[in-house]
Amino acid sequence: MPEKATMQRAKEDLREGKSPSTAAGEFVREEIDHVREGKHGARSPQQAIAIGLSKARRAGIPLKPPPAAGKVSEETRHKAEHDYEKGRTEPKTGPEGSTARGRSRLDTMKHESKRTTSHDALSAHAKQAVQKRKKNG
């Protein structure tokens, strides 16, 4: 699960009155750092961001799941709802990878690319996201 320093920064953001998405950004930053330092990989920048948001929800950050009418699949939305509920009832702050499934997930992710969170890859993702917002809004 998240590092203690990440939890502290996120809780401080919430205490300062910042939005839950800002607090969740701390978890996304942590996840990007994990990929960059080689702890595991990711198939895309979006996957690294999604993992960070999931960690934030499970850690108790009140980040609502995406709306049903949004652009995410039903399965993704359901997972986000589950993570949100899990964080509301019993936030988990123990060590990551303590179960067989967690270890298996990390072993699989270690084979993924580390380049997906490079400065260039994240920049390209941000530019694409802005273009989508301009087109839709």
N, C-alpha and C. Protein backbone atom coordinates (compact mmCIF):
# COMPACT_ATOMS: atom_id res chain seq x y z
N MET A 1 0.84 -1.19 0.00
CA MET A 1 0.00 0.00 0.00
C MET A 1 0.88 1.25 0.00
N PRO A 2 0.26 2.39 0.15
CA PRO A 2 1.00 3.64 0.01
C PRO A 2 2.06 3.83 1.10
N GLU A 3 3.06 4.61 0.75
CA GLU A 3 4.11 4.94 1.71
C GLU A 3 3.55 5.94 2.72
N LYS A 4 4.15 5.95 3.90
CA LYS A 4 3.67 6.82 4.98
C LYS A 4 3.75 8.30 4.57
N ALA A 5 4.83 8.68 3.89
CA ALA A 5 5.00 10.08 3.48
C ALA A 5 3.91 10.50 2.49
N THR A 6 3.53 9.58 1.61
CA THR A 6 2.46 9.89 0.64
C THR A 6 1.14 10.10 1.37
N MET A 7 0.86 9.24 2.32
CA MET A 7 -0.38 9.39 3.11
C MET A 7 -0.39 10.73 3.84
N GLN A 8 0.75 11.10 4.41
CA GLN A 8 0.82 12.36 5.15
C GLN A 8 0.60 13.56 4.23
N ARG A 9 1.21 13.54 3.05
CA ARG A 9 1.03 14.65 2.10
C ARG A 9 -0.42 14.75 1.64
N ALA A 10 -1.04 13.60 1.39
CA ALA A 10 -2.43 13.59 0.93
C ALA A 10 -3.37 14.11 2.04
N LYS A 11 -3.17 13.65 3.26
CA LYS A 11 -4.01 14.10 4.37
C LYS A 11 -3.82 15.60 4.62
N GLU A 12 -2.58 16.07 4.45
CA GLU A 12 -2.31 17.50 4.62
C GLU A 12 -3.05 18.31 3.55
N ASP A 13 -3.06 17.80 2.31
CA ASP A 13 -3.79 18.47 1.24
C ASP A 13 -5.28 18.60 1.60
N LEU A 14 -5.84 17.53 2.13
CA LEU A 14 -7.26 17.55 2.50
C LEU A 14 -7.51 18.53 3.65
N ARG A 15 -6.60 18.55 4.63
CA ARG A 15 -6.74 19.48 5.76
C ARG A 15 -6.68 20.92 5.29
N GLU A 16 -5.88 21.18 4.27
CA GLU A 16 -5.75 22.54 3.74
C GLU A 16 -6.95 22.94 2.89
N GLY A 17 -7.89 22.02 2.71
CA GLY A 17 -9.09 22.34 1.94
C GLY A 17 -8.95 22.09 0.46
N LYS A 18 -7.90 21.40 0.05
CA LYS A 18 -7.73 21.10 -1.37
C LYS A 18 -8.66 19.96 -1.77
N SER A 19 -8.91 19.83 -3.06
CA SER A 19 -9.87 18.84 -3.54
C SER A 19 -9.31 17.42 -3.39
N PRO A 20 -10.21 16.42 -3.33
CA PRO A 20 -9.75 15.04 -3.24
C PRO A 20 -8.87 14.63 -4.42
N SER A 21 -9.12 15.20 -5.61
CA SER A 21 -8.29 14.83 -6.75
C SER A 21 -6.85 15.33 -6.57
N THR A 22 -6.69 16.44 -5.89
CA THR A 22 -5.34 16.95 -5.60
C THR A 22 -4.63 16.00 -4.63
N ALA A 23 -5.37 15.56 -3.61
CA ALA A 23 -4.78 14.61 -2.65
C ALA A 23 -4.45 13.29 -3.35
N ALA A 24 -5.31 12.86 -4.27
CA ALA A 24 -5.06 11.61 -4.99
C ALA A 24 -3.84 11.74 -5.89
N GLY A 25 -3.52 12.95 -6.31
CA GLY A 25 -2.34 13.19 -7.14
C GLY A 25 -1.06 12.75 -6.46
N GLU A 26 -1.05 12.80 -5.12
CA GLU A 26 0.13 12.33 -4.38
C GLU A 26 0.36 10.84 -4.62
N PHE A 27 -0.74 10.08 -4.69
CA PHE A 27 -0.65 8.64 -4.91
C PHE A 27 -0.22 8.35 -6.35
N VAL A 28 -0.70 9.16 -7.29
CA VAL A 28 -0.31 9.00 -8.68
C VAL A 28 1.19 9.29 -8.81
N ARG A 29 1.65 10.35 -8.16
CA ARG A 29 3.08 10.69 -8.18
C ARG A 29 3.90 9.53 -7.62
N GLU A 30 3.45 8.95 -6.51
CA GLU A 30 4.16 7.82 -5.92
C GLU A 30 4.24 6.66 -6.91
N GLU A 31 3.14 6.39 -7.58
CA GLU A 31 3.11 5.26 -8.51
C GLU A 31 4.04 5.51 -9.70
N ILE A 32 4.06 6.72 -10.20
CA ILE A 32 4.97 7.06 -11.31
C ILE A 32 6.41 6.91 -10.86
N ASP A 33 6.70 7.33 -9.64
CA ASP A 33 8.06 7.15 -9.10
C ASP A 33 8.42 5.67 -9.00
N HIS A 34 7.48 4.83 -8.58
CA HIS A 34 7.74 3.40 -8.47
C HIS A 34 8.11 2.82 -9.84
N VAL A 35 7.39 3.22 -10.87
CA VAL A 35 7.70 2.72 -12.21
C VAL A 35 9.06 3.23 -12.66
N ARG A 36 9.31 4.51 -12.43
CA ARG A 36 10.59 5.10 -12.87
C ARG A 36 11.79 4.46 -12.17
N GLU A 37 11.63 4.13 -10.89
CA GLU A 37 12.78 3.54 -10.18
C GLU A 37 12.89 2.04 -10.40
N GLY A 38 11.95 1.46 -11.15
CA GLY A 38 12.06 0.06 -11.53
C GLY A 38 11.40 -0.91 -10.56
N LYS A 39 10.61 -0.43 -9.63
CA LYS A 39 9.92 -1.34 -8.71
C LYS A 39 8.99 -2.25 -9.50
N HIS A 40 8.32 -1.68 -10.50
CA HIS A 40 7.51 -2.45 -11.44
C HIS A 40 7.31 -1.58 -12.67
N GLY A 41 6.65 -2.11 -13.68
CA GLY A 41 6.42 -1.37 -14.91
C GLY A 41 4.94 -1.06 -15.08
N ALA A 42 4.60 -0.51 -16.24
CA ALA A 42 3.21 -0.23 -16.58
C ALA A 42 3.10 -0.28 -18.09
N ARG A 43 1.93 -0.66 -18.59
CA ARG A 43 1.75 -0.75 -20.04
C ARG A 43 1.57 0.61 -20.67
N SER A 44 1.09 1.57 -19.88
CA SER A 44 0.85 2.91 -20.43
C SER A 44 0.85 3.91 -19.27
N PRO A 45 0.96 5.19 -19.59
CA PRO A 45 0.85 6.20 -18.53
C PRO A 45 -0.51 6.13 -17.85
N GLN A 46 -1.55 5.80 -18.63
CA GLN A 46 -2.90 5.70 -18.06
C GLN A 46 -2.98 4.62 -16.99
N GLN A 47 -2.27 3.50 -17.21
CA GLN A 47 -2.30 2.42 -16.22
C GLN A 47 -1.64 2.87 -14.92
N ALA A 48 -0.53 3.58 -15.02
CA ALA A 48 0.14 4.07 -13.81
C ALA A 48 -0.78 5.04 -13.06
N ILE A 49 -1.47 5.90 -13.80
CA ILE A 49 -2.40 6.85 -13.17
C ILE A 49 -3.55 6.09 -12.51
N ALA A 50 -4.09 5.10 -13.19
CA ALA A 50 -5.21 4.33 -12.65
C ALA A 50 -4.82 3.59 -11.37
N ILE A 51 -3.61 3.06 -11.33
CA ILE A 51 -3.14 2.36 -10.13
C ILE A 51 -3.05 3.35 -8.97
N GLY A 52 -2.53 4.54 -9.24
CA GLY A 52 -2.43 5.57 -8.20
C GLY A 52 -3.79 5.99 -7.68
N LEU A 53 -4.76 6.17 -8.58
CA LEU A 53 -6.12 6.56 -8.15
C LEU A 53 -6.77 5.45 -7.33
N SER A 54 -6.53 4.20 -7.73
CA SER A 54 -7.08 3.08 -6.98
C SER A 54 -6.50 3.03 -5.57
N LYS A 55 -5.19 3.25 -5.47
CA LYS A 55 -4.54 3.28 -4.15
C LYS A 55 -5.13 4.39 -3.28
N ALA A 56 -5.36 5.54 -3.90
CA ALA A 56 -5.91 6.67 -3.16
C ALA A 56 -7.29 6.33 -2.61
N ARG A 57 -8.14 5.75 -3.46
CA ARG A 57 -9.49 5.40 -3.02
C ARG A 57 -9.44 4.38 -1.88
N ARG A 58 -8.57 3.38 -2.01
CA ARG A 58 -8.49 2.33 -0.98
C ARG A 58 -7.88 2.86 0.31
N ALA A 59 -7.09 3.93 0.22
CA ALA A 59 -6.46 4.51 1.41
C ALA A 59 -7.39 5.48 2.14
N GLY A 60 -8.59 5.71 1.59
CA GLY A 60 -9.56 6.54 2.29
C GLY A 60 -9.69 7.95 1.75
N ILE A 61 -9.04 8.28 0.64
CA ILE A 61 -9.22 9.60 0.04
C ILE A 61 -10.62 9.62 -0.59
N PRO A 62 -11.44 10.61 -0.27
CA PRO A 62 -12.84 10.61 -0.76
C PRO A 62 -12.96 10.99 -2.23
N LEU A 63 -12.29 10.26 -3.09
CA LEU A 63 -12.32 10.49 -4.53
C LEU A 63 -13.44 9.63 -5.13
N LYS A 64 -14.48 10.29 -5.60
CA LYS A 64 -15.65 9.57 -6.10
C LYS A 64 -15.30 8.78 -7.37
N PRO A 65 -15.98 7.65 -7.59
CA PRO A 65 -15.79 6.90 -8.84
C PRO A 65 -16.31 7.70 -10.02
N PRO A 66 -15.86 7.38 -11.23
CA PRO A 66 -16.35 8.11 -12.40
C PRO A 66 -17.85 7.88 -12.60
N PRO A 67 -18.57 8.82 -13.20
CA PRO A 67 -20.01 8.65 -13.40
C PRO A 67 -20.32 7.54 -14.40
N ALA A 68 -21.52 6.97 -14.29
CA ALA A 68 -21.93 5.87 -15.17
C ALA A 68 -21.99 6.31 -16.62
N ALA A 69 -22.32 7.57 -16.87
CA ALA A 69 -22.44 8.07 -18.24
C ALA A 69 -21.09 8.49 -18.81
N GLY A 70 -20.01 8.26 -18.10
CA GLY A 70 -18.69 8.69 -18.53
C GLY A 70 -18.10 7.81 -19.61
N LYS A 71 -16.80 7.96 -19.81
CA LYS A 71 -16.10 7.27 -20.89
C LYS A 71 -15.43 5.98 -20.43
N VAL A 72 -15.58 5.62 -19.17
CA VAL A 72 -14.92 4.41 -18.68
C VAL A 72 -15.88 3.23 -18.78
N SER A 73 -15.30 2.02 -18.83
CA SER A 73 -16.12 0.82 -18.95
C SER A 73 -16.86 0.56 -17.64
N GLU A 74 -17.88 -0.26 -17.73
CA GLU A 74 -18.68 -0.64 -16.56
C GLU A 74 -17.79 -1.36 -15.54
N GLU A 75 -16.89 -2.20 -16.03
CA GLU A 75 -15.99 -2.95 -15.14
C GLU A 75 -15.07 -2.00 -14.37
N THR A 76 -14.53 -1.00 -15.06
CA THR A 76 -13.63 -0.03 -14.42
C THR A 76 -14.38 0.78 -13.38
N ARG A 77 -15.59 1.21 -13.73
CA ARG A 77 -16.39 2.00 -12.79
C ARG A 77 -16.75 1.17 -11.56
N HIS A 78 -17.08 -0.10 -11.77
CA HIS A 78 -17.42 -0.98 -10.65
C HIS A 78 -16.22 -1.16 -9.72
N LYS A 79 -15.02 -1.32 -10.31
CA LYS A 79 -13.79 -1.46 -9.51
C LYS A 79 -13.53 -0.20 -8.70
N ALA A 80 -13.75 0.96 -9.32
CA ALA A 80 -13.56 2.23 -8.62
C ALA A 80 -14.55 2.37 -7.48
N GLU A 81 -15.80 1.94 -7.70
CA GLU A 81 -16.81 1.97 -6.63
C GLU A 81 -16.38 1.07 -5.47
N HIS A 82 -15.88 -0.11 -5.81
CA HIS A 82 -15.44 -1.06 -4.78
C HIS A 82 -14.28 -0.49 -3.98
N ASP A 83 -13.30 0.11 -4.67
CA ASP A 83 -12.16 0.72 -3.99
C ASP A 83 -12.61 1.86 -3.09
N TYR A 84 -13.54 2.66 -3.58
CA TYR A 84 -14.06 3.80 -2.81
C TYR A 84 -14.72 3.30 -1.52
N GLU A 85 -15.57 2.28 -1.64
CA GLU A 85 -16.25 1.72 -0.46
C GLU A 85 -15.25 1.10 0.51
N LYS A 86 -14.26 0.42 -0.03
CA LYS A 86 -13.23 -0.21 0.80
C LYS A 86 -12.49 0.85 1.61
N GLY A 87 -12.19 1.96 0.97
CA GLY A 87 -11.49 3.04 1.66
C GLY A 87 -12.35 3.74 2.69
N ARG A 88 -13.67 3.79 2.46
CA ARG A 88 -14.58 4.45 3.39
C ARG A 88 -14.77 3.61 4.65
N THR A 89 -14.73 2.29 4.51
CA THR A 89 -15.02 1.42 5.64
C THR A 89 -13.77 0.96 6.38
N GLU A 90 -12.76 0.54 5.61
CA GLU A 90 -11.55 0.01 6.26
C GLU A 90 -10.32 0.35 5.43
N PRO A 91 -9.82 1.56 5.55
CA PRO A 91 -8.63 1.92 4.77
C PRO A 91 -7.46 1.00 5.11
N LYS A 92 -6.81 0.51 4.08
CA LYS A 92 -5.70 -0.40 4.28
C LYS A 92 -4.39 0.37 4.18
N THR A 93 -3.56 0.26 5.16
CA THR A 93 -2.28 0.95 5.13
C THR A 93 -1.11 0.01 5.40
N GLY A 94 -1.37 -1.28 5.33
CA GLY A 94 -0.31 -2.26 5.60
C GLY A 94 0.65 -2.38 4.45
N PRO A 95 1.58 -3.36 4.54
CA PRO A 95 2.58 -3.54 3.48
C PRO A 95 1.92 -4.06 2.20
N GLU A 96 2.45 -3.61 1.08
CA GLU A 96 1.92 -4.04 -0.21
C GLU A 96 2.45 -5.41 -0.56
N GLY A 97 1.62 -6.19 -1.27
CA GLY A 97 2.07 -7.49 -1.76
C GLY A 97 2.11 -8.55 -0.69
N SER A 98 1.28 -8.46 0.34
CA SER A 98 1.34 -9.43 1.41
C SER A 98 0.59 -10.71 1.05
N THR A 99 -0.26 -10.67 0.03
CA THR A 99 -1.00 -11.86 -0.36
C THR A 99 -0.38 -12.47 -1.61
N ALA A 100 -0.77 -13.70 -1.90
CA ALA A 100 -0.26 -14.37 -3.10
C ALA A 100 -0.68 -13.61 -4.35
N ARG A 101 -1.91 -13.09 -4.36
CA ARG A 101 -2.39 -12.36 -5.53
C ARG A 101 -1.59 -11.07 -5.71
N GLY A 102 -1.28 -10.40 -4.61
CA GLY A 102 -0.50 -9.17 -4.69
C GLY A 102 0.90 -9.42 -5.21
N ARG A 103 1.51 -10.50 -4.74
CA ARG A 103 2.85 -10.85 -5.21
C ARG A 103 2.81 -11.21 -6.69
N SER A 104 1.79 -11.94 -7.08
CA SER A 104 1.64 -12.33 -8.48
C SER A 104 1.47 -11.11 -9.37
N ARG A 105 0.69 -10.14 -8.92
CA ARG A 105 0.47 -8.90 -9.68
C ARG A 105 1.79 -8.16 -9.86
N LEU A 106 2.55 -8.04 -8.78
CA LEU A 106 3.84 -7.34 -8.87
C LEU A 106 4.82 -8.07 -9.78
N ASP A 107 4.84 -9.40 -9.70
CA ASP A 107 5.74 -10.18 -10.56
C ASP A 107 5.40 -9.95 -12.03
N THR A 108 4.10 -9.91 -12.34
CA THR A 108 3.67 -9.67 -13.72
C THR A 108 4.05 -8.26 -14.16
N MET A 109 3.84 -7.28 -13.29
CA MET A 109 4.11 -5.89 -13.65
C MET A 109 5.61 -5.61 -13.79
N LYS A 110 6.45 -6.44 -13.18
CA LYS A 110 7.89 -6.23 -13.31
C LYS A 110 8.36 -6.47 -14.75
N HIS A 111 7.56 -7.21 -15.53
CA HIS A 111 7.92 -7.48 -16.92
C HIS A 111 7.47 -6.37 -17.86
N GLU A 112 6.67 -5.45 -17.36
CA GLU A 112 6.17 -4.34 -18.20
C GLU A 112 7.26 -3.28 -18.36
N SER A 113 7.01 -2.39 -19.33
CA SER A 113 7.98 -1.36 -19.67
C SER A 113 8.11 -0.31 -18.57
N LYS A 114 9.31 0.22 -18.42
CA LYS A 114 9.55 1.31 -17.47
C LYS A 114 9.48 2.67 -18.18
N ARG A 115 9.50 2.63 -19.52
CA ARG A 115 9.52 3.86 -20.31
C ARG A 115 8.17 4.57 -20.35
N THR A 116 7.12 3.90 -19.93
CA THR A 116 5.78 4.48 -20.05
C THR A 116 5.58 5.69 -19.13
N THR A 117 6.45 5.87 -18.16
CA THR A 117 6.32 7.04 -17.27
C THR A 117 7.49 8.00 -17.45
N SER A 118 8.13 7.93 -18.61
CA SER A 118 9.19 8.89 -18.89
C SER A 118 8.57 10.27 -19.04
N HIS A 119 9.41 11.27 -18.99
CA HIS A 119 8.94 12.65 -19.15
C HIS A 119 8.21 12.81 -20.48
N ASP A 120 8.78 12.25 -21.55
CA ASP A 120 8.17 12.37 -22.88
C ASP A 120 6.82 11.66 -22.95
N ALA A 121 6.72 10.46 -22.36
CA ALA A 121 5.47 9.71 -22.41
C ALA A 121 4.37 10.43 -21.64
N LEU A 122 4.69 10.94 -20.45
CA LEU A 122 3.69 11.66 -19.66
C LEU A 122 3.30 12.97 -20.34
N SER A 123 4.24 13.62 -20.99
CA SER A 123 3.95 14.85 -21.71
C SER A 123 3.00 14.57 -22.87
N ALA A 124 3.27 13.51 -23.61
CA ALA A 124 2.40 13.14 -24.74
C ALA A 124 0.99 12.81 -24.25
N HIS A 125 0.91 12.09 -23.13
CA HIS A 125 -0.41 11.75 -22.56
C HIS A 125 -1.17 13.01 -22.16
N ALA A 126 -0.48 13.94 -21.54
CA ALA A 126 -1.13 15.19 -21.11
C ALA A 126 -1.63 15.98 -22.32
N LYS A 127 -0.83 16.03 -23.36
CA LYS A 127 -1.24 16.76 -24.57
C LYS A 127 -2.46 16.12 -25.22
N GLN A 128 -2.50 14.78 -25.25
CA GLN A 128 -3.66 14.08 -25.80
C GLN A 128 -4.91 14.36 -24.97
N ALA A 129 -4.76 14.37 -23.65
CA ALA A 129 -5.90 14.62 -22.76
C ALA A 129 -6.45 16.03 -22.98
N VAL A 130 -5.56 16.99 -23.15
CA VAL A 130 -6.00 18.37 -23.39
C VAL A 130 -6.75 18.46 -24.72
N GLN A 131 -6.24 17.80 -25.75
CA GLN A 131 -6.91 17.83 -27.05
C GLN A 131 -8.30 17.21 -26.98
N LYS A 132 -8.45 16.12 -26.22
CA LYS A 132 -9.75 15.49 -26.04
C LYS A 132 -10.72 16.45 -25.34
N ARG A 133 -10.20 17.13 -24.31
CA ARG A 133 -11.07 18.07 -23.57
C ARG A 133 -11.49 19.23 -24.47
N LYS A 134 -10.57 19.73 -25.30
CA LYS A 134 -10.90 20.83 -26.20
C LYS A 134 -11.98 20.39 -27.20
N LYS A 135 -11.85 19.16 -27.70
CA LYS A 135 -12.79 18.65 -28.70
C LYS A 135 -14.18 18.43 -28.10
N ASN A 136 -14.24 17.92 -26.86
CA ASN A 136 -15.52 17.62 -26.22
C ASN A 136 -16.14 18.81 -25.51
N GLY A 137 -15.36 19.77 -25.12
CA GLY A 137 -15.88 20.86 -24.30
C GLY A 137 -15.94 22.12 -25.02
